[in-house]
Amino acid sequence: MAFVDLKRDVLVLKVVLAGPPAVGKTERLAQLGLEGRSATFGTTALGPQRMAVLETRAGGPTARDERKVEVEVYEWHGPEKADVRAKGLFVGLDGLIYMVDGREDRYIDTVNHFDFLVKSAGKSKIQRLPGLMVLGHLDDGLLRSSRFVSKLQGPAWSAPIELPLDDADGFVEAVRVYAEAMLARAL
């Protein structure tokens, strides 16, 4: 659930960025970090964990009533990497960005990874979230994201976004619009 950092007077939304291995999660997180800020944390034994913070504003009746909003986006690897904070990561979650792999031979990996996410986070938690579906890598055997919507049951998916990985501006803008949807749900 969205919370207010009273010391800084900022409303914070917590989002998980998930998807199968080698789909472009780290690239997308870096794009958000370039627009906002990013951080790496964790222990040397478990490897680095990444997050990015994207700033936006929540409108009020007047410009004076606007509130600063930060969207904290945490990368989740799933079964590909041991993550001791996995259960804590899903506490207070406001949204889910799921990257699907458009390569035909990765369809089963994408669906199985999502099933693992639902099992790890809890089905009831995932079902209550608004979801942003983003198409990752593309190739000649392109799967359109509409094929995934019926297979990835749970969140209330937005219209799937099909942007090339090098389109950072489009992705950042999509996350800002997605933040407005999360705010509307939370407030």
C-alpha atoms as a PDB file:
ATOM      1  CA  MET A   1       0.000   0.000   0.000  1.00  0.00           C
ATOM      2  CA  ALA A   2       1.161   3.506  -0.758  1.00  0.00           C
ATOM      3  CA  PHE A   3       2.700   5.207   2.234  1.00  0.00           C
ATOM      4  CA  VAL A   4       3.745   8.747   3.052  1.00  0.00           C
ATOM      5  CA  ASP A   5       7.325   9.473   4.044  1.00  0.00           C
ATOM      6  CA  LEU A   6       6.465  12.258   6.481  1.00  0.00           C
ATOM      7  CA  LYS A   7      10.024  13.442   6.924  1.00  0.00           C
ATOM      8  CA  ARG A   8      10.362  14.188   3.201  1.00  0.00           C
ATOM      9  CA  ASP A   9       6.622  14.763   2.517  1.00  0.00           C
ATOM     10  CA  VAL A  10       6.609  12.218  -0.307  1.00  0.00           C
ATOM     11  CA  LEU A  11       4.041   9.583  -1.237  1.00  0.00           C
ATOM     12  CA  VAL A  12       5.855   6.317  -2.051  1.00  0.00           C
ATOM     13  CA  LEU A  13       4.515   3.580  -4.350  1.00  0.00           C
ATOM     14  CA  LYS A  14       6.226   0.172  -4.336  1.00  0.00           C
ATOM     15  CA  VAL A  15       6.389  -1.785  -7.597  1.00  0.00           C
ATOM     16  CA  VAL A  16       8.052  -5.057  -8.571  1.00  0.00           C
ATOM     17  CA  LEU A  17       9.586  -5.490 -12.032  1.00  0.00           C
ATOM     18  CA  ALA A  18       9.541  -9.195 -12.920  1.00  0.00           C
ATOM     19  CA  GLY A  19       9.950 -11.409 -15.944  1.00  0.00           C
ATOM     20  CA  PRO A  20      11.830 -14.459 -17.163  1.00  0.00           C
ATOM     21  CA  PRO A  21      15.635 -14.460 -17.427  1.00  0.00           C
ATOM     22  CA  ALA A  22      17.275 -12.388 -20.175  1.00  0.00           C
ATOM     23  CA  VAL A  23      14.118 -10.469 -21.099  1.00  0.00           C
ATOM     24  CA  GLY A  24      15.469  -6.966 -20.393  1.00  0.00           C
ATOM     25  CA  LYS A  25      14.499  -6.285 -16.770  1.00  0.00           C
ATOM     26  CA  THR A  26      17.877  -4.811 -15.869  1.00  0.00           C
ATOM     27  CA  GLU A  27      17.841  -2.578 -18.972  1.00  0.00           C
ATOM     28  CA  ARG A  28      14.374  -1.259 -18.128  1.00  0.00           C
ATOM     29  CA  LEU A  29      15.394  -0.657 -14.510  1.00  0.00           C
ATOM     30  CA  ALA A  30      18.457   1.266 -15.706  1.00  0.00           C
ATOM     31  CA  GLN A  31      16.228   3.411 -17.943  1.00  0.00           C
ATOM     32  CA  LEU A  32      14.110   4.351 -14.940  1.00  0.00           C
ATOM     33  CA  GLY A  33      17.256   5.037 -12.924  1.00  0.00           C
ATOM     34  CA  LEU A  34      18.611   7.414 -15.570  1.00  0.00           C
ATOM     35  CA  GLU A  35      15.386   9.426 -15.449  1.00  0.00           C
ATOM     36  CA  GLY A  36      15.191   9.293 -11.634  1.00  0.00           C
ATOM     37  CA  ARG A  37      17.796   7.603  -9.504  1.00  0.00           C
ATOM     38  CA  SER A  38      18.948   4.063  -8.901  1.00  0.00           C
ATOM     39  CA  ALA A  39      20.530   2.095  -6.098  1.00  0.00           C
ATOM     40  CA  THR A  40      22.263  -1.211  -5.661  1.00  0.00           C
ATOM     41  CA  PHE A  41      22.181  -2.928  -2.311  1.00  0.00           C
ATOM     42  CA  GLY A  42      22.629  -6.369  -0.814  1.00  0.00           C
ATOM     43  CA  THR A  43      25.436  -8.580   0.355  1.00  0.00           C
ATOM     44  CA  THR A  44      28.400  -9.904  -1.551  1.00  0.00           C
ATOM     45  CA  ALA A  45      27.276 -13.457  -0.796  1.00  0.00           C
ATOM     46  CA  LEU A  46      23.886 -13.035  -2.486  1.00  0.00           C
ATOM     47  CA  GLY A  47      24.913 -10.550  -5.135  1.00  0.00           C
ATOM     48  CA  PRO A  48      23.583  -7.083  -5.824  1.00  0.00           C
ATOM     49  CA  GLN A  49      19.910  -6.218  -5.736  1.00  0.00           C
ATOM     50  CA  ARG A  50      18.745  -3.295  -7.840  1.00  0.00           C
ATOM     51  CA  MET A  51      16.042  -0.704  -7.572  1.00  0.00           C
ATOM     52  CA  ALA A  52      15.150   2.536  -9.303  1.00  0.00           C
ATOM     53  CA  VAL A  53      13.102   5.483  -8.116  1.00  0.00           C
ATOM     54  CA  LEU A  54      11.072   7.544 -10.565  1.00  0.00           C
ATOM     55  CA  GLU A  55       9.648  10.840  -9.382  1.00  0.00           C
ATOM     56  CA  THR A  56       6.287  12.182 -10.465  1.00  0.00           C
ATOM     57  CA  ARG A  57       3.527  14.319  -8.970  1.00  0.00           C
ATOM     58  CA  ALA A  58      -0.001  13.682  -7.795  1.00  0.00           C
ATOM     59  CA  GLY A  59      -2.328  16.467  -8.838  1.00  0.00           C
ATOM     60  CA  GLY A  60      -4.517  18.411  -6.513  1.00  0.00           C
ATOM     61  CA  PRO A  61      -7.167  21.055  -7.159  1.00  0.00           C
ATOM     62  CA  THR A  62      -4.383  23.660  -7.332  1.00  0.00           C
ATOM     63  CA  ALA A  63      -0.667  23.502  -8.080  1.00  0.00           C
ATOM     64  CA  ARG A  64      -0.055  24.212  -4.397  1.00  0.00           C
ATOM     65  CA  ASP A  65      -1.906  20.991  -3.483  1.00  0.00           C
ATOM     66  CA  GLU A  66       0.297  18.758  -5.642  1.00  0.00           C
ATOM     67  CA  ARG A  67       2.183  16.061  -3.792  1.00  0.00           C
ATOM     68  CA  LYS A  68       5.543  14.645  -4.754  1.00  0.00           C
ATOM     69  CA  VAL A  69       5.301  10.930  -5.562  1.00  0.00           C
ATOM     70  CA  GLU A  70       8.127   8.416  -5.869  1.00  0.00           C
ATOM     71  CA  VAL A  71       7.666   5.096  -7.631  1.00  0.00           C
ATOM     72  CA  GLU A  72      10.153   2.618  -6.152  1.00  0.00           C
ATOM     73  CA  VAL A  73      10.726  -0.180  -8.671  1.00  0.00           C
ATOM     74  CA  TYR A  74      12.443  -3.333  -7.388  1.00  0.00           C
ATOM     75  CA  GLU A  75      13.830  -6.007  -9.691  1.00  0.00           C
ATOM     76  CA  TRP A  76      12.701  -9.572  -8.891  1.00  0.00           C
ATOM     77  CA  HIS A  77      14.518 -12.453 -10.522  1.00  0.00           C
ATOM     78  CA  GLY A  78      12.393 -15.353  -9.326  1.00  0.00           C
ATOM     79  CA  PRO A  79      13.831 -18.858  -9.412  1.00  0.00           C
ATOM     80  CA  GLU A  80      16.870 -17.723 -11.417  1.00  0.00           C
ATOM     81  CA  LYS A  81      18.466 -16.145  -8.316  1.00  0.00           C
ATOM     82  CA  ALA A  82      18.167 -16.874  -4.611  1.00  0.00           C
ATOM     83  CA  ASP A  83      16.536 -13.918  -2.903  1.00  0.00           C
ATOM     84  CA  VAL A  84      16.279 -13.926   0.882  1.00  0.00           C
ATOM     85  CA  ARG A  85      14.099 -10.820   0.876  1.00  0.00           C
ATOM     86  CA  ALA A  86      11.539 -12.267  -1.544  1.00  0.00           C
ATOM     87  CA  LYS A  87       8.658 -12.466   0.936  1.00  0.00           C
ATOM     88  CA  GLY A  88       9.377  -8.973   2.275  1.00  0.00           C
ATOM     89  CA  LEU A  89       9.485  -7.621  -1.241  1.00  0.00           C
ATOM     90  CA  PHE A  90       5.796  -8.399  -1.730  1.00  0.00           C
ATOM     91  CA  VAL A  91       4.663  -6.669   1.488  1.00  0.00           C
ATOM     92  CA  GLY A  92       2.916  -3.382   0.794  1.00  0.00           C
ATOM     93  CA  LEU A  93       3.130  -3.820  -2.957  1.00  0.00           C
ATOM     94  CA  ASP A  94       1.226  -1.291  -5.085  1.00  0.00           C
ATOM     95  CA  GLY A  95       1.872  -2.641  -8.554  1.00  0.00           C
ATOM     96  CA  LEU A  96       3.526  -5.158 -10.824  1.00  0.00           C
ATOM     97  CA  ILE A  97       5.407  -4.563 -14.065  1.00  0.00           C
ATOM     98  CA  TYR A  98       5.753  -7.884 -15.858  1.00  0.00           C
ATOM     99  CA  MET A  99       7.993  -8.212 -18.893  1.00  0.00           C
ATOM    100  CA  VAL A 100       6.950 -10.937 -21.290  1.00  0.00           C
ATOM    101  CA  ASP A 101       9.413 -12.408 -23.764  1.00  0.00           C
ATOM    102  CA  GLY A 102       8.258 -12.019 -27.374  1.00  0.00           C
ATOM    103  CA  ARG A 103      10.522 -14.781 -28.638  1.00  0.00           C
ATOM    104  CA  GLU A 104       8.467 -17.834 -29.635  1.00  0.00           C
ATOM    105  CA  ASP A 105      10.848 -20.292 -27.971  1.00  0.00           C
ATOM    106  CA  ARG A 106      10.565 -18.438 -24.626  1.00  0.00           C
ATOM    107  CA  TYR A 107       6.769 -18.544 -24.313  1.00  0.00           C
ATOM    108  CA  ILE A 108       6.745 -21.444 -21.827  1.00  0.00           C
ATOM    109  CA  ASP A 109       9.501 -19.790 -19.725  1.00  0.00           C
ATOM    110  CA  THR A 110       7.459 -16.593 -19.531  1.00  0.00           C
ATOM    111  CA  VAL A 111       4.289 -18.384 -18.412  1.00  0.00           C
ATOM    112  CA  ASN A 112       6.106 -20.633 -15.909  1.00  0.00           C
ATOM    113  CA  HIS A 113       7.981 -17.674 -14.438  1.00  0.00           C
ATOM    114  CA  PHE A 114       4.700 -15.818 -13.916  1.00  0.00           C
ATOM    115  CA  ASP A 115       3.199 -18.895 -12.212  1.00  0.00           C
ATOM    116  CA  PHE A 116       6.226 -18.963  -9.878  1.00  0.00           C
ATOM    117  CA  LEU A 117       5.688 -15.259  -9.138  1.00  0.00           C
ATOM    118  CA  VAL A 118       2.033 -15.877  -8.232  1.00  0.00           C
ATOM    119  CA  LYS A 119       3.048 -18.782  -5.990  1.00  0.00           C
ATOM    120  CA  SER A 120       5.810 -16.748  -4.296  1.00  0.00           C
ATOM    121  CA  ALA A 121       3.823 -13.558  -3.747  1.00  0.00           C
ATOM    122  CA  GLY A 122       0.464 -15.168  -3.073  1.00  0.00           C
ATOM    123  CA  LYS A 123      -2.414 -15.378  -5.503  1.00  0.00           C
ATOM    124  CA  SER A 124      -4.684 -13.047  -3.538  1.00  0.00           C
ATOM    125  CA  LYS A 125      -1.963 -10.385  -3.383  1.00  0.00           C
ATOM    126  CA  ILE A 126      -1.281 -10.555  -7.126  1.00  0.00           C
ATOM    127  CA  GLN A 127      -4.993 -10.477  -8.025  1.00  0.00           C
ATOM    128  CA  ARG A 128      -5.561  -7.174  -6.261  1.00  0.00           C
ATOM    129  CA  LEU A 129      -2.714  -5.367  -8.046  1.00  0.00           C
ATOM    130  CA  PRO A 130      -2.899  -3.245 -11.144  1.00  0.00           C
ATOM    131  CA  GLY A 131      -0.430  -4.682 -13.651  1.00  0.00           C
ATOM    132  CA  LEU A 132       1.624  -3.215 -16.456  1.00  0.00           C
ATOM    133  CA  MET A 133       2.593  -5.777 -19.104  1.00  0.00           C
ATOM    134  CA  VAL A 134       5.597  -4.871 -21.243  1.00  0.00           C
ATOM    135  CA  LEU A 135       6.866  -6.848 -24.214  1.00  0.00           C
ATOM    136  CA  GLY A 136      10.595  -7.558 -23.913  1.00  0.00           C
ATOM    137  CA  HIS A 137      12.870  -9.010 -26.576  1.00  0.00           C
ATOM    138  CA  LEU A 138      11.470  -9.453 -30.068  1.00  0.00           C
ATOM    139  CA  ASP A 139      12.465 -11.724 -32.934  1.00  0.00           C
ATOM    140  CA  ASP A 140      11.045 -13.058 -36.191  1.00  0.00           C
ATOM    141  CA  GLY A 141       8.825 -15.551 -34.361  1.00  0.00           C
ATOM    142  CA  LEU A 142       7.169 -12.615 -32.612  1.00  0.00           C
ATOM    143  CA  LEU A 143       4.425 -13.298 -30.119  1.00  0.00           C
ATOM    144  CA  ARG A 144       2.081 -10.362 -29.607  1.00  0.00           C
ATOM    145  CA  SER A 145       1.450  -9.493 -25.978  1.00  0.00           C
ATOM    146  CA  SER A 146      -2.294 -10.131 -26.411  1.00  0.00           C
ATOM    147  CA  ARG A 147      -1.490 -13.865 -26.464  1.00  0.00           C
ATOM    148  CA  PHE A 148      -0.137 -13.574 -22.915  1.00  0.00           C
ATOM    149  CA  VAL A 149      -3.081 -11.743 -21.339  1.00  0.00           C
ATOM    150  CA  SER A 150      -5.268 -14.850 -21.188  1.00  0.00           C
ATOM    151  CA  LYS A 151      -2.397 -17.013 -19.846  1.00  0.00           C
ATOM    152  CA  LEU A 152      -1.138 -14.635 -17.149  1.00  0.00           C
ATOM    153  CA  GLN A 153      -4.178 -14.506 -14.904  1.00  0.00           C
ATOM    154  CA  GLY A 154      -4.100 -12.317 -11.831  1.00  0.00           C
ATOM    155  CA  PRO A 155      -3.579  -8.567 -12.008  1.00  0.00           C
ATOM    156  CA  ALA A 156      -5.876  -6.168 -13.782  1.00  0.00           C
ATOM    157  CA  TRP A 157      -3.551  -5.679 -16.765  1.00  0.00           C
ATOM    158  CA  SER A 158      -3.257  -2.361 -18.522  1.00  0.00           C
ATOM    159  CA  ALA A 159      -3.154  -2.349 -22.290  1.00  0.00           C
ATOM    160  CA  PRO A 160       0.062  -4.248 -23.062  1.00  0.00           C
ATOM    161  CA  ILE A 161       2.974  -2.037 -24.095  1.00  0.00           C
ATOM    162  CA  GLU A 162       5.027  -3.141 -27.064  1.00  0.00           C
ATOM    163  CA  LEU A 163       8.120  -0.938 -27.132  1.00  0.00           C
ATOM    164  CA  PRO A 164      11.614  -1.882 -28.258  1.00  0.00           C
ATOM    165  CA  LEU A 165      14.114  -2.116 -25.404  1.00  0.00           C
ATOM    166  CA  ASP A 166      15.953   0.958 -26.643  1.00  0.00           C
ATOM    167  CA  ASP A 167      12.833   3.165 -26.317  1.00  0.00           C
ATOM    168  CA  ALA A 168      13.577   4.504 -22.849  1.00  0.00           C
ATOM    169  CA  ASP A 169      11.373   7.612 -23.091  1.00  0.00           C
ATOM    170  CA  GLY A 170       8.269   5.616 -23.999  1.00  0.00           C
ATOM    171  CA  PHE A 171       8.823   3.185 -21.142  1.00  0.00           C
ATOM    172  CA  VAL A 172       9.437   5.923 -18.552  1.00  0.00           C
ATOM    173  CA  GLU A 173       6.282   7.738 -19.677  1.00  0.00           C
ATOM    174  CA  ALA A 174       4.300   4.476 -19.463  1.00  0.00           C
ATOM    175  CA  VAL A 175       5.476   3.993 -15.865  1.00  0.00           C
ATOM    176  CA  ARG A 176       4.429   7.564 -15.010  1.00  0.00           C
ATOM    177  CA  VAL A 177       0.941   6.939 -16.422  1.00  0.00           C
ATOM    178  CA  TYR A 178       0.864   3.621 -14.558  1.00  0.00           C
ATOM    179  CA  ALA A 179       1.717   5.518 -11.349  1.00  0.00           C
ATOM    180  CA  GLU A 180      -1.399   7.630 -11.866  1.00  0.00           C
ATOM    181  CA  ALA A 181      -3.488   4.438 -12.067  1.00  0.00           C
ATOM    182  CA  MET A 182      -1.901   3.139  -8.841  1.00  0.00           C
ATOM    183  CA  LEU A 183      -2.573   6.453  -7.137  1.00  0.00           C
ATOM    184  CA  ALA A 184      -6.197   6.466  -8.240  1.00  0.00           C
ATOM    185  CA  ARG A 185      -6.570   3.004  -6.734  1.00  0.00           C
ATOM    186  CA  ALA A 186      -4.758   3.910  -3.500  1.00  0.00           C
ATOM    187  CA  LEU A 187      -6.331   7.283  -2.768  1.00  0.00           C
END
